[in-house]
Amino acid sequence: MTDDIEIPEDTRRSRLTPPASFADPDDIATLDERITAFWEAYPDGAIDASEVEQTGETSWMVTAYVWKNGDSEGRADSTGSATRTVDLDGHVSAQFALETAQSIAISRALRFLGFRS
């Protein structure tokens, strides 16, 4: 019975920005590259990732704040958060959950300011 039904192909295009290609690692900026680009663009800026919350016995949540003008008293120009859990049986980054969460939080805050690649 369903052999007579034709379903047209959807030819609409999304207006969303396509995600970065993870097939080519050169398309992704490292944290070091983002920080270097930030300091070049905003030499008086500030980065603070000292807001750390222990959310469990082995879990950490870090929030990073970035200011373009270095005035860390005012509202941050960008923020980024990350949560990681220690996993001694897993990857190296999971063994250093706090440090990994800090790096990811800073990277996200810089990415939200436009430092993507």
PDB file of N, CA and C in Angstrom:
ATOM      1  N   MET A   1       0.781  -1.192   0.000  1.00  0.00           N
ATOM      2  CA  MET A   1       0.000   0.000   0.000  1.00  0.00           C
ATOM      3  C   MET A   1       0.833   1.271   0.000  1.00  0.00           C
ATOM      4  N   THR A   2       1.936   1.271   0.673  1.00  0.00           N
ATOM      5  CA  THR A   2       2.746   2.485   0.765  1.00  0.00           C
ATOM      6  C   THR A   2       3.623   2.693  -0.461  1.00  0.00           C
ATOM      7  N   ASP A   3       3.586   1.798  -1.411  1.00  0.00           N
ATOM      8  CA  ASP A   3       4.411   1.938  -2.609  1.00  0.00           C
ATOM      9  C   ASP A   3       3.974   3.119  -3.471  1.00  0.00           C
ATOM     10  N   ASP A   4       2.748   3.568  -3.321  1.00  0.00           N
ATOM     11  CA  ASP A   4       2.217   4.646  -4.148  1.00  0.00           C
ATOM     12  C   ASP A   4       2.529   6.035  -3.577  1.00  0.00           C
ATOM     13  N   ILE A   5       3.084   6.107  -2.368  1.00  0.00           N
ATOM     14  CA  ILE A   5       3.317   7.397  -1.731  1.00  0.00           C
ATOM     15  C   ILE A   5       4.729   7.871  -2.064  1.00  0.00           C
ATOM     16  N   GLU A   6       4.829   9.090  -2.569  1.00  0.00           N
ATOM     17  CA  GLU A   6       6.132   9.681  -2.853  1.00  0.00           C
ATOM     18  C   GLU A   6       6.395  10.791  -1.843  1.00  0.00           C
ATOM     19  N   ILE A   7       7.525  10.720  -1.199  1.00  0.00           N
ATOM     20  CA  ILE A   7       7.904  11.739  -0.224  1.00  0.00           C
ATOM     21  C   ILE A   7       8.971  12.606  -0.874  1.00  0.00           C
ATOM     22  N   PRO A   8       8.694  13.919  -1.001  1.00  0.00           N
ATOM     23  CA  PRO A   8       9.682  14.787  -1.653  1.00  0.00           C
ATOM     24  C   PRO A   8      10.925  14.968  -0.773  1.00  0.00           C
ATOM     25  N   GLU A   9      12.034  15.187  -1.422  1.00  0.00           N
ATOM     26  CA  GLU A   9      13.285  15.422  -0.711  1.00  0.00           C
ATOM     27  C   GLU A   9      13.261  16.820  -0.101  1.00  0.00           C
ATOM     28  N   ASP A  10      13.765  16.951   1.118  1.00  0.00           N
ATOM     29  CA  ASP A  10      13.814  18.243   1.800  1.00  0.00           C
ATOM     30  C   ASP A  10      15.035  19.004   1.282  1.00  0.00           C
ATOM     31  N   THR A  11      14.814  20.105   0.591  1.00  0.00           N
ATOM     32  CA  THR A  11      15.917  20.866  -0.002  1.00  0.00           C
ATOM     33  C   THR A  11      16.190  22.165   0.750  1.00  0.00           C
ATOM     34  N   ARG A  12      15.494  22.354   1.879  1.00  0.00           N
ATOM     35  CA  ARG A  12      15.743  23.579   2.655  1.00  0.00           C
ATOM     36  C   ARG A  12      17.134  23.538   3.263  1.00  0.00           C
ATOM     37  N   ARG A  13      17.720  24.712   3.442  1.00  0.00           N
ATOM     38  CA  ARG A  13      19.049  24.802   4.046  1.00  0.00           C
ATOM     39  C   ARG A  13      18.942  25.470   5.406  1.00  0.00           C
ATOM     40  N   SER A  14      19.743  25.014   6.323  1.00  0.00           N
ATOM     41  CA  SER A  14      19.759  25.576   7.659  1.00  0.00           C
ATOM     42  C   SER A  14      20.492  26.918   7.646  1.00  0.00           C
ATOM     43  N   ARG A  15      20.017  27.844   8.466  1.00  0.00           N
ATOM     44  CA  ARG A  15      20.697  29.131   8.617  1.00  0.00           C
ATOM     45  C   ARG A  15      21.698  29.088   9.759  1.00  0.00           C
ATOM     46  N   LEU A  16      21.806  27.955  10.418  1.00  0.00           N
ATOM     47  CA  LEU A  16      22.748  27.823  11.509  1.00  0.00           C
ATOM     48  C   LEU A  16      24.164  27.692  10.967  1.00  0.00           C
ATOM     49  N   THR A  17      25.125  28.199  11.721  1.00  0.00           N
ATOM     50  CA  THR A  17      26.527  28.061  11.341  1.00  0.00           C
ATOM     51  C   THR A  17      26.922  26.595  11.445  1.00  0.00           C
ATOM     52  N   PRO A  18      27.527  26.046  10.412  1.00  0.00           N
ATOM     53  CA  PRO A  18      27.923  24.633  10.499  1.00  0.00           C
ATOM     54  C   PRO A  18      28.995  24.447  11.567  1.00  0.00           C
ATOM     55  N   PRO A  19      29.006  23.310  12.249  1.00  0.00           N
ATOM     56  CA  PRO A  19      30.014  23.075  13.277  1.00  0.00           C
ATOM     57  C   PRO A  19      31.399  22.938  12.662  1.00  0.00           C
ATOM     58  N   ALA A  20      32.411  23.146  13.507  1.00  0.00           N
ATOM     59  CA  ALA A  20      33.796  22.982  13.043  1.00  0.00           C
ATOM     60  C   ALA A  20      34.014  21.543  12.607  1.00  0.00           C
ATOM     61  N   SER A  21      34.859  21.379  11.635  1.00  0.00           N
ATOM     62  CA  SER A  21      35.160  20.041  11.146  1.00  0.00           C
ATOM     63  C   SER A  21      36.153  19.396  12.107  1.00  0.00           C
ATOM     64  N   PHE A  22      35.725  18.327  12.749  1.00  0.00           N
ATOM     65  CA  PHE A  22      36.611  17.645  13.677  1.00  0.00           C
ATOM     66  C   PHE A  22      37.485  16.616  12.958  1.00  0.00           C
ATOM     67  N   ALA A  23      37.258  16.475  11.654  1.00  0.00           N
ATOM     68  CA  ALA A  23      38.075  15.553  10.878  1.00  0.00           C
ATOM     69  C   ALA A  23      39.482  16.111  10.685  1.00  0.00           C
ATOM     70  N   ASP A  24      39.614  17.437  10.689  1.00  0.00           N
ATOM     71  CA  ASP A  24      40.910  18.081  10.487  1.00  0.00           C
ATOM     72  C   ASP A  24      41.299  18.838  11.752  1.00  0.00           C
ATOM     73  N   PRO A  25      42.235  18.323  12.550  1.00  0.00           N
ATOM     74  CA  PRO A  25      42.623  18.983  13.799  1.00  0.00           C
ATOM     75  C   PRO A  25      43.170  20.394  13.588  1.00  0.00           C
ATOM     76  N   ASP A  26      43.623  20.720  12.374  1.00  0.00           N
ATOM     77  CA  ASP A  26      44.146  22.056  12.121  1.00  0.00           C
ATOM     78  C   ASP A  26      43.044  23.110  12.117  1.00  0.00           C
ATOM     79  N   ASP A  27      41.767  22.683  12.023  1.00  0.00           N
ATOM     80  CA  ASP A  27      40.642  23.616  12.043  1.00  0.00           C
ATOM     81  C   ASP A  27      40.305  24.081  13.454  1.00  0.00           C
ATOM     82  N   ILE A  28      40.872  23.434  14.469  1.00  0.00           N
ATOM     83  CA  ILE A  28      40.531  23.729  15.857  1.00  0.00           C
ATOM     84  C   ILE A  28      41.705  24.438  16.518  1.00  0.00           C
ATOM     85  N   ALA A  29      41.441  25.597  17.115  1.00  0.00           N
ATOM     86  CA  ALA A  29      42.487  26.342  17.807  1.00  0.00           C
ATOM     87  C   ALA A  29      42.726  25.730  19.185  1.00  0.00           C
ATOM     88  N   THR A  30      43.970  25.705  19.600  1.00  0.00           N
ATOM     89  CA  THR A  30      44.305  25.234  20.940  1.00  0.00           C
ATOM     90  C   THR A  30      44.094  26.366  21.936  1.00  0.00           C
ATOM     91  N   LEU A  31      44.064  26.024  23.204  1.00  0.00           N
ATOM     92  CA  LEU A  31      43.931  27.052  24.238  1.00  0.00           C
ATOM     93  C   LEU A  31      45.093  28.035  24.164  1.00  0.00           C
ATOM     94  N   ASP A  32      46.285  27.534  23.957  1.00  0.00           N
ATOM     95  CA  ASP A  32      47.461  28.392  23.851  1.00  0.00           C
ATOM     96  C   ASP A  32      47.313  29.405  22.712  1.00  0.00           C
ATOM     97  N   GLU A  33      46.807  28.938  21.557  1.00  0.00           N
ATOM     98  CA  GLU A  33      46.602  29.836  20.418  1.00  0.00           C
ATOM     99  C   GLU A  33      45.543  30.893  20.729  1.00  0.00           C
ATOM    100  N   ARG A  34      44.474  30.490  21.411  1.00  0.00           N
ATOM    101  CA  ARG A  34      43.418  31.447  21.764  1.00  0.00           C
ATOM    102  C   ARG A  34      43.921  32.493  22.750  1.00  0.00           C
ATOM    103  N   ILE A  35      44.689  32.055  23.750  1.00  0.00           N
ATOM    104  CA  ILE A  35      45.223  32.998  24.736  1.00  0.00           C
ATOM    105  C   ILE A  35      46.192  33.965  24.074  1.00  0.00           C
ATOM    106  N   THR A  36      47.056  33.454  23.202  1.00  0.00           N
ATOM    107  CA  THR A  36      48.001  34.321  22.485  1.00  0.00           C
ATOM    108  C   THR A  36      47.257  35.354  21.652  1.00  0.00           C
ATOM    109  N   ALA A  37      46.222  34.920  20.924  1.00  0.00           N
ATOM    110  CA  ALA A  37      45.436  35.847  20.103  1.00  0.00           C
ATOM    111  C   ALA A  37      44.718  36.870  20.985  1.00  0.00           C
ATOM    112  N   PHE A  38      44.233  36.448  22.147  1.00  0.00           N
ATOM    113  CA  PHE A  38      43.559  37.372  23.059  1.00  0.00           C
ATOM    114  C   PHE A  38      44.520  38.451  23.544  1.00  0.00           C
ATOM    115  N   TRP A  39      45.728  38.052  23.985  1.00  0.00           N
ATOM    116  CA  TRP A  39      46.692  39.038  24.496  1.00  0.00           C
ATOM    117  C   TRP A  39      47.152  39.988  23.391  1.00  0.00           C
ATOM    118  N   GLU A  40      47.237  39.497  22.158  1.00  0.00           N
ATOM    119  CA  GLU A  40      47.597  40.377  21.047  1.00  0.00           C
ATOM    120  C   GLU A  40      46.495  41.401  20.780  1.00  0.00           C
ATOM    121  N   ALA A  41      45.243  40.974  20.868  1.00  0.00           N
ATOM    122  CA  ALA A  41      44.111  41.868  20.607  1.00  0.00           C
ATOM    123  C   ALA A  41      43.820  42.780  21.795  1.00  0.00           C
ATOM    124  N   TYR A  42      44.018  42.287  23.013  1.00  0.00           N
ATOM    125  CA  TYR A  42      43.681  43.050  24.223  1.00  0.00           C
ATOM    126  C   TYR A  42      44.828  42.949  25.230  1.00  0.00           C
ATOM    127  N   PRO A  43      45.927  43.696  25.003  1.00  0.00           N
ATOM    128  CA  PRO A  43      47.084  43.575  25.901  1.00  0.00           C
ATOM    129  C   PRO A  43      46.783  43.992  27.339  1.00  0.00           C
ATOM    130  N   ASP A  44      45.734  44.787  27.546  1.00  0.00           N
ATOM    131  CA  ASP A  44      45.356  45.198  28.896  1.00  0.00           C
ATOM    132  C   ASP A  44      44.238  44.334  29.462  1.00  0.00           C
ATOM    133  N   GLY A  45      43.888  43.256  28.776  1.00  0.00           N
ATOM    134  CA  GLY A  45      42.786  42.394  29.195  1.00  0.00           C
ATOM    135  C   GLY A  45      43.129  41.587  30.433  1.00  0.00           C
ATOM    136  N   ALA A  46      42.150  40.819  30.874  1.00  0.00           N
ATOM    137  CA  ALA A  46      42.342  39.973  32.056  1.00  0.00           C
ATOM    138  C   ALA A  46      41.574  38.669  31.873  1.00  0.00           C
ATOM    139  N   ILE A  47      42.163  37.593  32.393  1.00  0.00           N
ATOM    140  CA  ILE A  47      41.537  36.274  32.386  1.00  0.00           C
ATOM    141  C   ILE A  47      41.600  35.735  33.801  1.00  0.00           C
ATOM    142  N   ASP A  48      40.453  35.280  34.316  1.00  0.00           N
ATOM    143  CA  ASP A  48      40.402  34.767  35.683  1.00  0.00           C
ATOM    144  C   ASP A  48      39.603  33.470  35.694  1.00  0.00           C
ATOM    145  N   ALA A  49      40.246  32.387  36.104  1.00  0.00           N
ATOM    146  CA  ALA A  49      39.563  31.094  36.211  1.00  0.00           C
ATOM    147  C   ALA A  49      39.670  30.574  37.630  1.00  0.00           C
ATOM    148  N   SER A  50      39.571  31.484  38.596  1.00  0.00           N
ATOM    149  CA  SER A  50      39.752  31.078  39.988  1.00  0.00           C
ATOM    150  C   SER A  50      38.449  30.705  40.684  1.00  0.00           C
ATOM    151  N   GLU A  51      37.308  30.844  39.986  1.00  0.00           N
ATOM    152  CA  GLU A  51      36.048  30.424  40.603  1.00  0.00           C
ATOM    153  C   GLU A  51      35.908  28.917  40.430  1.00  0.00           C
ATOM    154  N   VAL A  52      36.226  28.206  41.488  1.00  0.00           N
ATOM    155  CA  VAL A  52      36.240  26.744  41.465  1.00  0.00           C
ATOM    156  C   VAL A  52      35.272  26.232  42.522  1.00  0.00           C
ATOM    157  N   GLU A  53      34.433  25.295  42.115  1.00  0.00           N
ATOM    158  CA  GLU A  53      33.487  24.694  43.043  1.00  0.00           C
ATOM    159  C   GLU A  53      33.653  23.179  42.977  1.00  0.00           C
ATOM    160  N   GLN A  54      33.848  22.573  44.132  1.00  0.00           N
ATOM    161  CA  GLN A  54      33.925  21.116  44.167  1.00  0.00           C
ATOM    162  C   GLN A  54      32.491  20.605  44.259  1.00  0.00           C
ATOM    163  N   THR A  55      32.020  19.954  43.195  1.00  0.00           N
ATOM    164  CA  THR A  55      30.621  19.544  43.102  1.00  0.00           C
ATOM    165  C   THR A  55      30.387  18.120  43.584  1.00  0.00           C
ATOM    166  N   GLY A  56      31.415  17.444  43.925  1.00  0.00           N
ATOM    167  CA  GLY A  56      31.333  16.072  44.432  1.00  0.00           C
ATOM    168  C   GLY A  56      32.687  15.707  44.991  1.00  0.00           C
ATOM    169  N   GLU A  57      32.804  14.489  45.455  1.00  0.00           N
ATOM    170  CA  GLU A  57      34.076  14.084  46.045  1.00  0.00           C
ATOM    171  C   GLU A  57      35.227  14.175  45.043  1.00  0.00           C
ATOM    172  N   THR A  58      34.923  13.912  43.763  1.00  0.00           N
ATOM    173  CA  THR A  58      35.966  13.939  42.736  1.00  0.00           C
ATOM    174  C   THR A  58      35.552  14.771  41.524  1.00  0.00           C
ATOM    175  N   SER A  59      34.623  15.699  41.695  1.00  0.00           N
ATOM    176  CA  SER A  59      34.132  16.520  40.584  1.00  0.00           C
ATOM    177  C   SER A  59      34.385  17.994  40.847  1.00  0.00           C
ATOM    178  N   TRP A  60      34.684  18.711  39.761  1.00  0.00           N
ATOM    179  CA  TRP A  60      34.984  20.135  39.856  1.00  0.00           C
ATOM    180  C   TRP A  60      34.216  20.903  38.804  1.00  0.00           C
ATOM    181  N   MET A  61      33.740  22.095  39.162  1.00  0.00           N
ATOM    182  CA  MET A  61      33.151  23.012  38.194  1.00  0.00           C
ATOM    183  C   MET A  61      33.946  24.313  38.265  1.00  0.00           C
ATOM    184  N   VAL A  62      34.389  24.777  37.112  1.00  0.00           N
ATOM    185  CA  VAL A  62      35.197  25.992  37.027  1.00  0.00           C
ATOM    186  C   VAL A  62      34.491  26.981  36.120  1.00  0.00           C
ATOM    187  N   THR A  63      34.462  28.243  36.539  1.00  0.00           N
ATOM    188  CA  THR A  63      33.938  29.313  35.697  1.00  0.00           C
ATOM    189  C   THR A  63      35.079  30.282  35.431  1.00  0.00           C
ATOM    190  N   ALA A  64      35.280  30.602  34.164  1.00  0.00           N
ATOM    191  CA  ALA A  64      36.328  31.545  33.766  1.00  0.00           C
ATOM    192  C   ALA A  64      35.676  32.843  33.313  1.00  0.00           C
ATOM    193  N   TYR A  65      36.317  33.952  33.643  1.00  0.00           N
ATOM    194  CA  TYR A  65      35.849  35.281  33.252  1.00  0.00           C
ATOM    195  C   TYR A  65      36.931  35.965  32.428  1.00  0.00           C
ATOM    196  N   VAL A  66      36.522  36.666  31.374  1.00  0.00           N
ATOM    197  CA  VAL A  66      37.470  37.368  30.511  1.00  0.00           C
ATOM    198  C   VAL A  66      36.999  38.811  30.356  1.00  0.00           C
ATOM    199  N   TRP A  67      37.932  39.741  30.568  1.00  0.00           N
ATOM    200  CA  TRP A  67      37.673  41.169  30.385  1.00  0.00           C
ATOM    201  C   TRP A  67      38.605  41.704  29.311  1.00  0.00           C
ATOM    202  N   LYS A  68      38.066  42.466  28.387  1.00  0.00           N
ATOM    203  CA  LYS A  68      38.884  43.051  27.321  1.00  0.00           C
ATOM    204  C   LYS A  68      39.759  44.182  27.841  1.00  0.00           C
ATOM    205  N   ASN A  69      39.250  44.955  28.790  1.00  0.00           N
ATOM    206  CA  ASN A  69      39.985  46.139  29.250  1.00  0.00           C
ATOM    207  C   ASN A  69      40.757  45.911  30.545  1.00  0.00           C
ATOM    208  N   GLY A  70      40.693  44.722  31.111  1.00  0.00           N
ATOM    209  CA  GLY A  70      41.451  44.431  32.318  1.00  0.00           C
ATOM    210  C   GLY A  70      40.788  44.887  33.589  1.00  0.00           C
ATOM    211  N   ASP A  71      39.640  45.552  33.497  1.00  0.00           N
ATOM    212  CA  ASP A  71      38.924  46.013  34.680  1.00  0.00           C
ATOM    213  C   ASP A  71      38.107  44.853  35.232  1.00  0.00           C
ATOM    214  N   SER A  72      38.742  44.045  36.060  1.00  0.00           N
ATOM    215  CA  SER A  72      38.080  42.850  36.559  1.00  0.00           C
ATOM    216  C   SER A  72      37.052  43.143  37.647  1.00  0.00           C
ATOM    217  N   GLU A  73      36.815  44.418  37.919  1.00  0.00           N
ATOM    218  CA  GLU A  73      35.792  44.788  38.896  1.00  0.00           C
ATOM    219  C   GLU A  73      34.408  44.850  38.243  1.00  0.00           C
ATOM    220  N   GLY A  74      34.354  45.164  36.955  1.00  0.00           N
ATOM    221  CA  GLY A  74      33.080  45.279  36.249  1.00  0.00           C
ATOM    222  C   GLY A  74      32.606  43.943  35.707  1.00  0.00           C
ATOM    223  N   ARG A  75      31.536  44.009  34.954  1.00  0.00           N
ATOM    224  CA  ARG A  75      30.968  42.814  34.349  1.00  0.00           C
ATOM    225  C   ARG A  75      31.934  42.256  33.298  1.00  0.00           C
ATOM    226  N   ALA A  76      32.130  40.952  33.324  1.00  0.00           N
ATOM    227  CA  ALA A  76      33.043  40.307  32.371  1.00  0.00           C
ATOM    228  C   ALA A  76      32.478  40.393  30.960  1.00  0.00           C
ATOM    229  N   ASP A  77      33.374  40.519  29.982  1.00  0.00           N
ATOM    230  CA  ASP A  77      32.962  40.533  28.579  1.00  0.00           C
ATOM    231  C   ASP A  77      32.551  39.140  28.116  1.00  0.00           C
ATOM    232  N   SER A  78      33.054  38.112  28.775  1.00  0.00           N
ATOM    233  CA  SER A  78      32.725  36.747  28.392  1.00  0.00           C
ATOM    234  C   SER A  78      32.965  35.826  29.584  1.00  0.00           C
ATOM    235  N   THR A  79      32.186  34.757  29.644  1.00  0.00           N
ATOM    236  CA  THR A  79      32.387  33.727  30.660  1.00  0.00           C
ATOM    237  C   THR A  79      32.332  32.353  30.003  1.00  0.00           C
ATOM    238  N   GLY A  80      32.921  31.396  30.658  1.00  0.00           N
ATOM    239  CA  GLY A  80      32.864  30.015  30.199  1.00  0.00           C
ATOM    240  C   GLY A  80      32.940  29.096  31.403  1.00  0.00           C
ATOM    241  N   SER A  81      32.213  28.006  31.366  1.00  0.00           N
ATOM    242  CA  SER A  81      32.207  27.058  32.479  1.00  0.00           C
ATOM    243  C   SER A  81      32.508  25.657  31.979  1.00  0.00           C
ATOM    244  N   ALA A  82      33.015  24.843  32.880  1.00  0.00           N
ATOM    245  CA  ALA A  82      33.281  23.443  32.556  1.00  0.00           C
ATOM    246  C   ALA A  82      33.245  22.619  33.833  1.00  0.00           C
ATOM    247  N   THR A  83      32.787  21.408  33.714  1.00  0.00           N
ATOM    248  CA  THR A  83      32.750  20.469  34.830  1.00  0.00           C
ATOM    249  C   THR A  83      33.486  19.202  34.418  1.00  0.00           C
ATOM    250  N   ARG A  84      34.331  18.715  35.288  1.00  0.00           N
ATOM    251  CA  ARG A  84      35.054  17.475  35.017  1.00  0.00           C
ATOM    252  C   ARG A  84      35.116  16.646  36.296  1.00  0.00           C
ATOM    253  N   THR A  85      35.202  15.329  36.108  1.00  0.00           N
ATOM    254  CA  THR A  85      35.274  14.384  37.214  1.00  0.00           C
ATOM    255  C   THR A  85      36.541  13.566  37.081  1.00  0.00           C
ATOM    256  N   VAL A  86      37.204  13.320  38.212  1.00  0.00           N
ATOM    257  CA  VAL A  86      38.409  12.508  38.220  1.00  0.00           C
ATOM    258  C   VAL A  86      38.026  11.071  37.871  1.00  0.00           C
ATOM    259  N   ASP A  87      38.776  10.477  36.964  1.00  0.00           N
ATOM    260  CA  ASP A  87      38.568   9.097  36.555  1.00  0.00           C
ATOM    261  C   ASP A  87      39.935   8.462  36.448  1.00  0.00           C
ATOM    262  N   LEU A  88      40.363   7.791  37.498  1.00  0.00           N
ATOM    263  CA  LEU A  88      41.718   7.244  37.529  1.00  0.00           C
ATOM    264  C   LEU A  88      41.927   6.106  36.542  1.00  0.00           C
ATOM    265  N   ASP A  89      40.842   5.534  36.033  1.00  0.00           N
ATOM    266  CA  ASP A  89      40.964   4.453  35.060  1.00  0.00           C
ATOM    267  C   ASP A  89      40.898   4.960  33.623  1.00  0.00           C
ATOM    268  N   GLY A  90      40.652   6.262  33.450  1.00  0.00           N
ATOM    269  CA  GLY A  90      40.417   6.800  32.114  1.00  0.00           C
ATOM    270  C   GLY A  90      41.608   7.527  31.543  1.00  0.00           C
ATOM    271  N   HIS A  91      41.310   8.544  30.739  1.00  0.00           N
ATOM    272  CA  HIS A  91      42.322   9.328  30.039  1.00  0.00           C
ATOM    273  C   HIS A  91      43.124  10.194  31.001  1.00  0.00           C
ATOM    274  N   VAL A  92      44.254  10.665  30.532  1.00  0.00           N
ATOM    275  CA  VAL A  92      45.116  11.524  31.348  1.00  0.00           C
ATOM    276  C   VAL A  92      44.364  12.775  31.773  1.00  0.00           C
ATOM    277  N   SER A  93      43.573  13.374  30.865  1.00  0.00           N
ATOM    278  CA  SER A  93      42.850  14.595  31.217  1.00  0.00           C
ATOM    279  C   SER A  93      41.840  14.346  32.333  1.00  0.00           C
ATOM    280  N   ALA A  94      41.308  13.130  32.412  1.00  0.00           N
ATOM    281  CA  ALA A  94      40.358  12.811  33.472  1.00  0.00           C
ATOM    282  C   ALA A  94      41.058  12.644  34.816  1.00  0.00           C
ATOM    283  N   GLN A  95      42.340  12.323  34.801  1.00  0.00           N
ATOM    284  CA  GLN A  95      43.101  12.205  36.042  1.00  0.00           C
ATOM    285  C   GLN A  95      43.397  13.578  36.635  1.00  0.00           C
ATOM    286  N   PHE A  96      43.393  14.606  35.807  1.00  0.00           N
ATOM    287  CA  PHE A  96      43.654  15.973  36.240  1.00  0.00           C
ATOM    288  C   PHE A  96      42.401  16.806  35.973  1.00  0.00           C
ATOM    289  N   ALA A  97      41.316  16.419  36.628  1.00  0.00           N
ATOM    290  CA  ALA A  97      40.000  17.002  36.342  1.00  0.00           C
ATOM    291  C   ALA A  97      39.965  18.502  36.580  1.00  0.00           C
ATOM    292  N   LEU A  98      40.530  18.982  37.673  1.00  0.00           N
ATOM    293  CA  LEU A  98      40.493  20.420  37.972  1.00  0.00           C
ATOM    294  C   LEU A  98      41.235  21.218  36.911  1.00  0.00           C
ATOM    295  N   GLU A  99      42.439  20.786  36.561  1.00  0.00           N
ATOM    296  CA  GLU A  99      43.231  21.500  35.561  1.00  0.00           C
ATOM    297  C   GLU A  99      42.550  21.469  34.196  1.00  0.00           C
ATOM    298  N   THR A 100      41.969  20.330  33.850  1.00  0.00           N
ATOM    299  CA  THR A 100      41.270  20.213  32.574  1.00  0.00           C
ATOM    300  C   THR A 100      40.051  21.119  32.537  1.00  0.00           C
ATOM    301  N   ALA A 101      39.290  21.162  33.630  1.00  0.00           N
ATOM    302  CA  ALA A 101      38.113  22.025  33.694  1.00  0.00           C
ATOM    303  C   ALA A 101      38.506  23.494  33.569  1.00  0.00           C
ATOM    304  N   GLN A 102      39.618  23.900  34.204  1.00  0.00           N
ATOM    305  CA  GLN A 102      40.080  25.288  34.080  1.00  0.00           C
ATOM    306  C   GLN A 102      40.442  25.612  32.634  1.00  0.00           C
ATOM    307  N   SER A 103      41.161  24.727  31.989  1.00  0.00           N
ATOM    308  CA  SER A 103      41.555  24.959  30.594  1.00  0.00           C
ATOM    309  C   SER A 103      40.334  25.063  29.684  1.00  0.00           C
ATOM    310  N   ILE A 104      39.371  24.171  29.867  1.00  0.00           N
ATOM    311  CA  ILE A 104      38.178  24.183  29.025  1.00  0.00           C
ATOM    312  C   ILE A 104      37.356  25.435  29.280  1.00  0.00           C
ATOM    313  N   ALA A 105      37.217  25.844  30.541  1.00  0.00           N
ATOM    314  CA  ALA A 105      36.444  27.040  30.867  1.00  0.00           C
ATOM    315  C   ALA A 105      37.054  28.289  30.221  1.00  0.00           C
ATOM    316  N   ILE A 106      38.375  28.432  30.298  1.00  0.00           N
ATOM    317  CA  ILE A 106      39.053  29.570  29.668  1.00  0.00           C
ATOM    318  C   ILE A 106      38.874  29.518  28.163  1.00  0.00           C
ATOM    319  N   SER A 107      39.058  28.342  27.582  1.00  0.00           N
ATOM    320  CA  SER A 107      38.916  28.191  26.136  1.00  0.00           C
ATOM    321  C   SER A 107      37.506  28.566  25.682  1.00  0.00           C
ATOM    322  N   ARG A 108      36.494  28.153  26.423  1.00  0.00           N
ATOM    323  CA  ARG A 108      35.115  28.495  26.065  1.00  0.00           C
ATOM    324  C   ARG A 108      34.870  29.996  26.163  1.00  0.00           C
ATOM    325  N   ALA A 109      35.362  30.621  27.223  1.00  0.00           N
ATOM    326  CA  ALA A 109      35.168  32.065  27.379  1.00  0.00           C
ATOM    327  C   ALA A 109      35.813  32.819  26.216  1.00  0.00           C
ATOM    328  N   LEU A 110      37.003  32.404  25.801  1.00  0.00           N
ATOM    329  CA  LEU A 110      37.677  33.057  24.681  1.00  0.00           C
ATOM    330  C   LEU A 110      36.958  32.765  23.362  1.00  0.00           C
ATOM    331  N   ARG A 111      36.454  31.560  23.220  1.00  0.00           N
ATOM    332  CA  ARG A 111      35.709  31.209  22.009  1.00  0.00           C
ATOM    333  C   ARG A 111      34.440  32.063  21.899  1.00  0.00           C
ATOM    334  N   PHE A 112      33.775  32.323  23.026  1.00  0.00           N
ATOM    335  CA  PHE A 112      32.574  33.158  23.018  1.00  0.00           C
ATOM    336  C   PHE A 112      32.900  34.596  22.643  1.00  0.00           C
ATOM    337  N   LEU A 113      34.139  35.023  22.836  1.00  0.00           N
ATOM    338  CA  LEU A 113      34.564  36.368  22.401  1.00  0.00           C
ATOM    339  C   LEU A 113      34.943  36.397  20.937  1.00  0.00           C
ATOM    340  N   GLY A 114      34.972  35.251  20.282  1.00  0.00           N
ATOM    341  CA  GLY A 114      35.276  35.210  18.858  1.00  0.00           C
ATOM    342  C   GLY A 114      36.620  34.613  18.512  1.00  0.00           C
ATOM    343  N   PHE A 115      37.379  34.154  19.488  1.00  0.00           N
ATOM    344  CA  PHE A 115      38.685  33.539  19.223  1.00  0.00           C
ATOM    345  C   PHE A 115      38.473  32.050  18.974  1.00  0.00           C
ATOM    346  N   ARG A 116      38.045  31.737  17.732  1.00  0.00           N
ATOM    347  CA  ARG A 116      37.663  30.360  17.401  1.00  0.00           C
ATOM    348  C   ARG A 116      38.821  29.573  16.792  1.00  0.00           C
ATOM    349  N   SER A 117      39.536  30.161  15.870  1.00  0.00           N
ATOM    350  CA  SER A 117      40.641  29.424  15.247  1.00  0.00           C
ATOM    351  C   SER A 117      41.702  30.395  14.811  1.00  0.00           C
TER     352      SER A 117
END
